[in-house]
Amino acid sequence: MSKRDYYEVLGVARTASADEIKKAYRKKAKELHPDRNSDNPKAEAEFKEAGEAYEVLKDADKKAAYDRYGHAAFEGGMGGGARPGGHPGQHGDFASAFSDVFDDLFGDFMGGRQGGRQRAARGADLRYNLRVTLEEAFNGLQKTITVPTSVQCGSCNGSGAEGGAEPTTCPTCSGMGKVRAQQGFFTVERTCPTCSGLGQTIKNPCKTCHGAGRVEKDRALSVNIPKGVETGTRIRLAGEGEAGMRGGPPGDLYIFIEVMPHKIFEREALDLHCRVPVSMSAAALGGDIEVPTIDGGRSRVKIPAGSQSGRQMRLRGKGMPALRGAGAGDMFIELAVETPVNLTSKQKELLREFEALSEDNNPESKSFFSSVKGFWDSMKG
């Protein structure tokens, strides 16, 4: 079967420029790549045919020979690009042609164009764990913290070169930050080992930072902790993280809040809970008690007569403030009726007398033991 005309294969005129030929091949290579045409058995052959055509037409000497002699220019030893018994574009030649569009193809397949010099490395983000009291979380505060971090070297202004001199283009990768190595059919890109992908090298490294462009240092920062923070709240300070390598942008600092446990109050989201012990007589007779609030104040709470342990009363708006918002939670008072201990003889005598007179004053006990009696009777039956 006769070979197709190379210009026809790429879909260009014989008068097409080198840029037009390259653009046409890139388009064909993307369209015909086997990974995109698993359901087309002809795609691989057409893909190789396009590579063969481009291998010839991209070279001025080979193109001139092809324009004059056609395919015969590369048969029987004619033309410097042919191999005995083969055709241009096979094996190494095809890999060379394919590498010219490597960036374009893998830009589509891998989510972005590869290659090119990397930017100066961005500094790492830092984490700082900050413990605050519940009162501080309620009121908010301005706090100064000391963060061990990397800062820009003052001797070289972050360039990494002695005296602040400009870095030079890496001779290995010519400033691209990557080098290519041919492995059979494919051309593989790797990070340049000389410049570590930066595309630049430093002849005379700074004596202070040894070429890194940054030095280790403790830094004091003033941090604004807003009202209403809770354990797990994260505060981001943009640009306050680690300095970048060789003048790269700094990272960010993330402050993670931990609110310490309180002796009196227990927090649940915006609400506060306070367990208040009351005497047996106060719970029975009722009355007023004074309870603390998180703002340092006091509130009077009325205890209804006959209150039991676990009874709750709500103080609206006495909880924690909403973080960066309006309103506040509530405070819940939970009663804990306390049984007296270390009784005197007189107290014991009075309690026995009281017990004898309180048969009808304990409805919950009466109901419980009535149920128990019924349970035992049913078991006997």
Protein backbone atom coordinates (compact mmCIF):
# COMPACT_ATOMS: atom_id res chain seq x y z
CA MET A 1 0.00 0.00 0.00
CA SER A 2 1.44 3.37 -1.03
CA LYS A 3 2.32 5.89 1.67
CA ARG A 4 0.16 8.97 2.05
CA ASP A 5 1.56 12.38 1.29
CA TYR A 6 3.05 13.88 4.47
CA TYR A 7 1.36 17.23 3.91
CA GLU A 8 -1.96 15.44 3.52
CA VAL A 9 -1.31 13.48 6.73
CA LEU A 10 -0.87 16.68 8.72
CA GLY A 11 -3.52 18.58 6.79
CA VAL A 12 -1.29 21.51 5.73
CA ALA A 13 -0.37 23.11 2.41
CA ARG A 14 3.05 22.53 0.86
CA THR A 15 3.78 26.21 1.46
CA ALA A 16 3.07 25.95 5.20
CA SER A 17 5.61 27.54 7.54
CA ALA A 18 7.49 25.64 10.27
CA ASP A 19 5.15 27.06 12.92
CA GLU A 20 2.07 26.01 10.95
CA ILE A 21 3.46 22.48 10.54
CA LYS A 22 4.24 22.22 14.24
CA LYS A 23 0.80 23.52 15.21
CA ALA A 24 -0.88 21.04 12.84
CA TYR A 25 1.10 18.13 14.28
CA ARG A 26 0.23 19.09 17.85
CA LYS A 27 -3.44 19.10 16.93
CA LYS A 28 -3.19 15.72 15.19
CA ALA A 29 -1.21 14.17 18.05
CA LYS A 30 -3.84 15.22 20.55
CA GLU A 31 -6.68 13.94 18.38
CA LEU A 32 -5.05 10.59 17.57
CA HIS A 33 -3.31 9.72 20.85
CA PRO A 34 -4.11 6.06 21.69
CA ASP A 35 -5.12 6.94 25.24
CA ARG A 36 -7.95 9.00 23.82
CA ASN A 37 -8.99 6.50 21.17
CA SER A 38 -9.15 3.13 22.88
CA ASP A 39 -12.21 2.28 20.77
CA ASN A 40 -10.51 3.17 17.45
CA PRO A 41 -8.13 0.42 16.25
CA LYS A 42 -6.70 2.70 13.51
CA ALA A 43 -5.76 5.52 15.88
CA GLU A 44 -2.34 4.13 16.85
CA ALA A 45 -1.25 3.64 13.24
CA GLU A 46 -2.45 7.15 12.29
CA PHE A 47 -0.73 8.56 15.37
CA LYS A 48 2.60 7.04 14.29
CA GLU A 49 2.00 8.18 10.69
CA ALA A 50 1.57 11.77 11.88
CA GLY A 51 4.79 11.52 13.92
CA GLU A 52 6.65 10.21 10.87
CA ALA A 53 5.37 13.06 8.74
CA TYR A 54 6.33 15.67 11.31
CA GLU A 55 9.81 14.18 11.77
CA VAL A 56 10.48 14.90 8.11
CA LEU A 57 8.70 18.22 7.63
CA LYS A 58 10.04 19.88 10.78
CA ASP A 59 13.62 19.54 9.49
CA ALA A 60 14.49 22.04 6.73
CA ASP A 61 16.91 19.68 4.91
CA LYS A 62 14.59 16.67 5.08
CA LYS A 63 11.65 18.81 3.98
CA ALA A 64 13.59 20.09 0.98
CA ALA A 65 14.50 16.54 0.01
CA TYR A 66 10.91 15.40 0.41
CA ASP A 67 9.59 18.33 -1.65
CA ARG A 68 11.97 17.33 -4.48
CA TYR A 69 11.90 13.52 -4.39
CA GLY A 70 8.87 12.61 -2.28
CA HIS A 71 9.04 9.39 -0.25
CA ALA A 72 11.86 8.15 -2.48
CA ALA A 73 14.17 10.64 -0.76
CA PHE A 74 14.23 8.36 2.28
CA GLU A 75 14.41 4.98 0.59
CA GLY A 76 17.60 3.13 -0.30
CA GLY A 77 19.87 5.34 1.81
CA MET A 78 18.86 8.74 0.44
CA GLY A 79 18.53 11.48 2.99
CA GLY A 80 20.49 11.80 6.21
CA GLY A 81 17.50 11.03 8.45
CA ALA A 82 16.71 7.53 7.15
CA ARG A 83 17.82 4.23 8.56
CA PRO A 84 18.63 1.16 6.43
CA GLY A 85 15.47 -0.81 5.84
CA GLY A 86 13.34 1.69 7.70
CA HIS A 87 11.52 4.96 7.40
CA PRO A 88 11.93 8.33 9.03
CA GLY A 89 9.97 8.70 12.23
CA GLN A 90 10.57 5.19 13.56
CA HIS A 91 11.88 4.53 17.09
CA GLY A 92 14.26 7.33 18.12
CA ASP A 93 13.12 9.76 15.42
CA PHE A 94 9.48 9.34 16.40
CA ALA A 95 10.33 9.79 20.06
CA SER A 96 12.11 13.01 19.12
CA ALA A 97 9.07 14.24 17.25
CA PHE A 98 6.77 13.27 20.10
CA SER A 99 8.90 15.12 22.67
CA ASP A 100 8.27 18.39 20.82
CA VAL A 101 4.61 18.20 21.82
CA PHE A 102 5.14 16.49 25.17
CA ASP A 103 4.14 19.59 27.08
CA ASP A 104 0.91 20.08 25.11
CA LEU A 105 -0.22 16.47 25.38
CA PHE A 106 0.51 16.05 29.06
CA GLY A 107 -0.95 19.47 29.75
CA ASP A 108 -4.30 17.97 28.72
CA PHE A 109 -3.88 14.51 30.25
CA MET A 110 -2.48 15.62 33.62
CA GLY A 111 -4.40 18.77 34.37
CA GLY A 112 -1.92 21.44 33.40
CA ARG A 113 1.06 22.15 31.18
CA GLN A 114 4.27 20.65 32.51
CA GLY A 115 7.75 22.00 32.30
CA GLY A 116 9.17 25.45 32.78
CA ARG A 117 11.10 26.89 35.68
CA GLN A 118 9.45 26.73 39.05
CA ARG A 119 8.82 29.87 40.99
CA ALA A 120 10.87 30.52 44.09
CA ALA A 121 9.58 28.07 46.67
CA ARG A 122 6.77 29.31 48.93
CA GLY A 123 7.38 29.09 52.64
CA ALA A 124 5.65 26.42 54.69
CA ASP A 125 2.50 27.09 56.68
CA LEU A 126 2.96 27.00 60.44
CA ARG A 127 0.67 25.81 63.24
CA TYR A 128 0.57 27.31 66.73
CA ASN A 129 -1.54 25.79 69.52
CA LEU A 130 -2.88 28.47 71.88
CA ARG A 131 -4.61 27.67 75.20
CA VAL A 132 -7.01 30.25 76.63
CA THR A 133 -9.27 30.33 79.68
CA LEU A 134 -13.05 30.30 79.43
CA GLU A 135 -13.09 33.90 80.67
CA GLU A 136 -10.67 34.90 77.88
CA ALA A 137 -12.85 33.11 75.34
CA PHE A 138 -15.86 35.05 76.69
CA ASN A 139 -14.21 38.48 76.64
CA GLY A 140 -11.77 38.08 73.75
CA LEU A 141 -8.20 39.32 74.12
CA GLN A 142 -5.07 40.66 72.45
CA LYS A 143 -2.24 38.23 73.07
CA THR A 144 1.44 38.28 72.14
CA ILE A 145 2.86 34.94 71.10
CA THR A 146 6.41 33.88 70.22
CA VAL A 147 6.70 31.74 67.11
CA PRO A 148 9.92 29.94 66.08
CA THR A 149 10.07 30.32 62.32
CA SER A 150 12.22 31.10 59.28
CA VAL A 151 12.47 34.76 58.29
CA GLN A 152 14.03 36.46 55.27
CA CYS A 153 17.80 36.78 55.54
CA GLY A 154 18.73 40.43 56.11
CA SER A 155 22.26 40.02 54.72
CA CYS A 156 21.17 39.05 51.20
CA ASN A 157 17.56 40.34 51.27
CA GLY A 158 16.34 36.82 50.63
CA SER A 159 18.25 36.24 47.38
CA GLY A 160 20.62 33.68 48.91
CA ALA A 161 23.63 35.29 47.18
CA GLU A 162 26.41 37.15 48.98
CA GLY A 163 25.79 40.88 49.01
CA GLY A 164 22.31 40.46 47.55
CA ALA A 165 23.64 39.64 44.05
CA GLU A 166 21.22 38.20 41.52
CA PRO A 167 21.30 34.42 40.96
CA THR A 168 22.49 33.18 37.55
CA THR A 169 20.68 30.93 35.08
CA CYS A 170 21.28 27.25 35.77
CA PRO A 171 23.68 25.87 33.11
CA THR A 172 22.22 22.36 33.31
CA CYS A 173 18.59 23.14 32.50
CA SER A 174 19.08 26.62 30.94
CA GLY A 175 16.70 28.10 33.46
CA MET A 176 13.82 25.68 32.80
CA GLY A 177 14.09 23.91 36.15
CA LYS A 178 13.65 20.53 34.43
CA VAL A 179 15.79 18.23 32.30
CA ARG A 180 14.65 15.68 29.73
CA ALA A 181 15.88 12.14 29.34
CA GLN A 182 14.84 9.87 26.48
CA GLN A 183 13.75 6.37 27.52
CA GLY A 184 12.78 4.36 24.48
CA PHE A 185 9.54 5.66 23.05
CA PHE A 186 9.01 8.34 25.69
CA THR A 187 10.87 11.47 26.71
CA VAL A 188 10.75 11.86 30.50
CA GLU A 189 11.06 15.16 32.36
CA ARG A 190 12.71 15.34 35.76
CA THR A 191 13.49 18.13 38.19
CA CYS A 192 16.93 19.56 37.47
CA PRO A 193 19.41 18.09 39.99
CA THR A 194 21.67 21.15 39.84
CA CYS A 195 19.16 23.84 40.81
CA SER A 196 16.43 21.66 42.37
CA GLY A 197 13.87 23.03 39.94
CA LEU A 198 14.49 26.73 40.65
CA GLY A 199 16.14 27.40 37.28
CA GLN A 200 18.83 29.49 38.96
CA THR A 201 22.09 28.85 40.77
CA ILE A 202 24.16 30.94 43.15
CA LYS A 203 27.90 31.24 42.62
CA ASN A 204 28.69 32.89 45.95
CA PRO A 205 26.16 31.78 48.61
CA CYS A 206 25.37 34.17 51.43
CA LYS A 207 27.50 33.39 54.48
CA THR A 208 24.62 34.09 56.85
CA CYS A 209 21.93 31.85 55.33
CA HIS A 210 24.20 29.60 53.22
CA GLY A 211 22.21 30.29 50.07
CA ALA A 212 18.75 29.53 51.48
CA GLY A 213 17.65 33.17 51.60
CA ARG A 214 16.19 32.70 55.10
CA VAL A 215 17.34 32.14 58.68
CA GLU A 216 15.78 30.62 61.80
CA LYS A 217 14.49 33.13 64.32
CA ASP A 218 11.90 33.50 67.10
CA ARG A 219 9.31 36.12 66.18
CA ALA A 220 6.85 37.88 68.50
CA LEU A 221 3.37 38.40 67.04
CA SER A 222 0.34 40.18 68.45
CA VAL A 223 -2.80 38.10 67.90
CA ASN A 224 -6.38 39.26 68.26
CA ILE A 225 -8.54 36.50 69.78
CA PRO A 226 -12.21 37.35 69.13
CA LYS A 227 -15.03 36.78 71.61
CA GLY A 228 -16.74 33.41 71.47
CA VAL A 229 -13.83 31.21 70.34
CA GLU A 230 -14.02 27.56 71.30
CA THR A 231 -11.76 24.54 71.15
CA GLY A 232 -10.96 23.86 67.49
CA THR A 233 -11.38 27.46 66.32
CA ARG A 234 -8.70 28.24 63.70
CA ILE A 235 -7.34 31.72 63.12
CA ARG A 236 -5.34 32.37 59.93
CA LEU A 237 -2.63 35.02 59.79
CA ALA A 238 -1.77 35.43 56.10
CA GLY A 239 1.93 35.80 55.29
CA GLU A 240 3.06 35.18 58.89
CA GLY A 241 4.34 31.66 58.25
CA GLU A 242 7.76 30.50 57.19
CA ALA A 243 9.70 32.70 54.74
CA GLY A 244 10.07 31.34 51.20
CA MET A 245 13.29 30.02 49.73
CA ARG A 246 15.36 32.61 47.84
CA GLY A 247 12.82 35.38 48.06
CA GLY A 248 9.74 33.19 47.61
CA PRO A 249 6.44 34.26 49.20
CA PRO A 250 5.93 33.39 52.89
CA GLY A 251 3.46 30.80 54.12
CA ASP A 252 0.61 31.41 56.54
CA LEU A 253 0.36 30.97 60.29
CA TYR A 254 -2.62 29.03 61.65
CA ILE A 255 -3.48 29.43 65.32
CA PHE A 256 -5.56 26.60 66.80
CA ILE A 257 -7.50 27.49 69.95
CA GLU A 258 -7.94 25.20 72.95
CA VAL A 259 -10.27 26.46 75.71
CA MET A 260 -9.22 25.06 79.08
CA PRO A 261 -11.75 23.40 81.43
CA HIS A 262 -13.37 25.65 84.06
CA LYS A 263 -13.90 24.90 87.75
CA ILE A 264 -17.47 26.22 87.84
CA PHE A 265 -18.88 26.28 84.31
CA GLU A 266 -19.14 23.59 81.68
CA ARG A 267 -19.53 24.76 78.12
CA GLU A 268 -21.81 23.22 75.48
CA ALA A 269 -21.62 25.25 72.24
CA LEU A 270 -22.95 28.70 73.24
CA ASP A 271 -24.60 27.51 76.47
CA LEU A 272 -23.04 27.24 79.91
CA HIS A 273 -24.00 24.78 82.64
CA CYS A 274 -23.46 25.35 86.33
CA ARG A 275 -24.19 22.69 88.98
CA VAL A 276 -25.25 24.34 92.21
CA PRO A 277 -25.57 22.38 95.49
CA VAL A 278 -28.54 23.31 97.71
CA SER A 279 -29.45 22.08 101.17
CA MET A 280 -32.22 19.59 101.71
CA SER A 281 -34.24 22.17 103.63
CA ALA A 282 -33.77 24.87 100.95
CA ALA A 283 -34.90 22.45 98.25
CA ALA A 284 -37.95 21.51 100.32
CA LEU A 285 -38.94 25.00 101.43
CA GLY A 286 -37.81 26.94 98.35
CA GLY A 287 -36.11 30.32 98.37
CA ASP A 288 -33.50 32.40 96.57
CA ILE A 289 -29.88 31.56 95.87
CA GLU A 290 -27.07 33.65 94.35
CA VAL A 291 -25.11 32.16 91.44
CA PRO A 292 -22.03 33.43 89.56
CA THR A 293 -22.04 34.38 85.87
CA ILE A 294 -19.15 34.10 83.40
CA ASP A 295 -18.83 37.89 83.11
CA GLY A 296 -17.89 38.06 86.80
CA GLY A 297 -21.33 39.16 87.97
CA ARG A 298 -24.00 37.56 90.12
CA SER A 299 -27.59 36.53 89.49
CA ARG A 300 -30.36 35.64 91.96
CA VAL A 301 -32.27 32.49 91.15
CA LYS A 302 -35.57 31.49 92.79
CA ILE A 303 -35.78 27.82 93.82
CA PRO A 304 -39.34 26.48 93.78
CA ALA A 305 -40.42 24.62 96.92
CA GLY A 306 -40.06 20.85 96.60
CA SER A 307 -37.26 21.00 93.99
CA GLN A 308 -35.45 17.73 93.29
CA SER A 309 -31.84 17.05 92.27
CA GLY A 310 -31.31 17.59 88.55
CA ARG A 311 -33.91 20.33 88.20
CA GLN A 312 -32.69 23.04 85.78
CA MET A 313 -33.40 26.76 85.60
CA ARG A 314 -32.43 28.93 82.64
CA LEU A 315 -30.81 32.36 82.68
CA ARG A 316 -31.31 33.70 79.17
CA GLY A 317 -28.42 35.48 77.48
CA LYS A 318 -25.93 34.58 80.22
CA GLY A 319 -23.99 32.06 78.11
CA MET A 320 -21.13 32.54 75.63
CA PRO A 321 -21.22 35.18 72.88
CA ALA A 322 -21.58 34.01 69.28
CA LEU A 323 -18.27 34.09 67.38
CA ARG A 324 -18.28 37.14 65.09
CA GLY A 325 -22.02 37.41 65.40
CA ALA A 326 -24.84 38.83 67.46
CA GLY A 327 -26.48 37.22 70.44
CA ALA A 328 -25.34 34.86 73.15
CA GLY A 329 -26.22 31.49 74.59
CA ASP A 330 -27.99 30.76 77.88
CA MET A 331 -26.82 29.63 81.27
CA PHE A 332 -28.45 26.61 82.90
CA ILE A 333 -28.47 26.15 86.67
CA GLU A 334 -28.74 22.50 87.73
CA LEU A 335 -29.72 21.84 91.33
CA ALA A 336 -27.92 19.20 93.35
CA VAL A 337 -29.82 18.55 96.59
CA GLU A 338 -27.21 17.77 99.23
CA THR A 339 -27.74 15.24 102.02
CA PRO A 340 -26.34 16.53 105.31
CA VAL A 341 -23.41 14.65 106.89
CA ASN A 342 -21.80 14.53 110.37
CA LEU A 343 -25.15 15.07 112.14
CA THR A 344 -25.36 15.87 115.85
CA SER A 345 -27.62 13.91 118.19
CA LYS A 346 -30.16 16.72 118.20
CA GLN A 347 -30.21 16.85 114.38
CA LYS A 348 -30.70 13.09 114.17
CA GLU A 349 -33.54 13.25 116.66
CA LEU A 350 -35.26 16.02 114.68
CA LEU A 351 -34.85 14.14 111.40
CA ARG A 352 -36.39 10.99 112.91
CA GLU A 353 -39.29 13.04 114.12
CA PHE A 354 -39.60 14.66 110.72
CA GLU A 355 -39.50 11.26 109.00
CA ALA A 356 -42.32 10.00 111.18
CA LEU A 357 -44.45 12.95 110.17
CA SER A 358 -43.62 12.94 106.42
CA GLU A 359 -45.48 9.87 105.19
CA ASP A 360 -47.49 11.86 102.70
CA ASN A 361 -44.69 14.30 101.74
CA ASN A 362 -42.68 11.95 99.50
CA PRO A 363 -44.93 11.15 96.53
CA GLU A 364 -42.13 9.78 94.36
CA SER A 365 -41.00 7.33 97.06
CA LYS A 366 -44.59 6.28 97.72
CA SER A 367 -45.19 5.61 94.03
CA PHE A 368 -41.92 3.71 93.62
CA PHE A 369 -42.41 1.37 96.55
CA SER A 370 -46.01 0.77 95.56
CA SER A 371 -44.72 -0.40 92.16
CA VAL A 372 -42.11 -2.57 93.85
CA LYS A 373 -44.77 -4.23 96.04
CA GLY A 374 -46.85 -4.96 92.96
CA PHE A 375 -43.80 -6.46 91.23
CA TRP A 376 -43.07 -8.80 94.16
CA ASP A 377 -46.72 -9.83 94.42
CA SER A 378 -46.80 -10.73 90.73
CA MET A 379 -43.63 -12.81 91.12
CA LYS A 380 -45.18 -14.79 93.96
CA GLY A 381 -48.24 -15.47 91.81
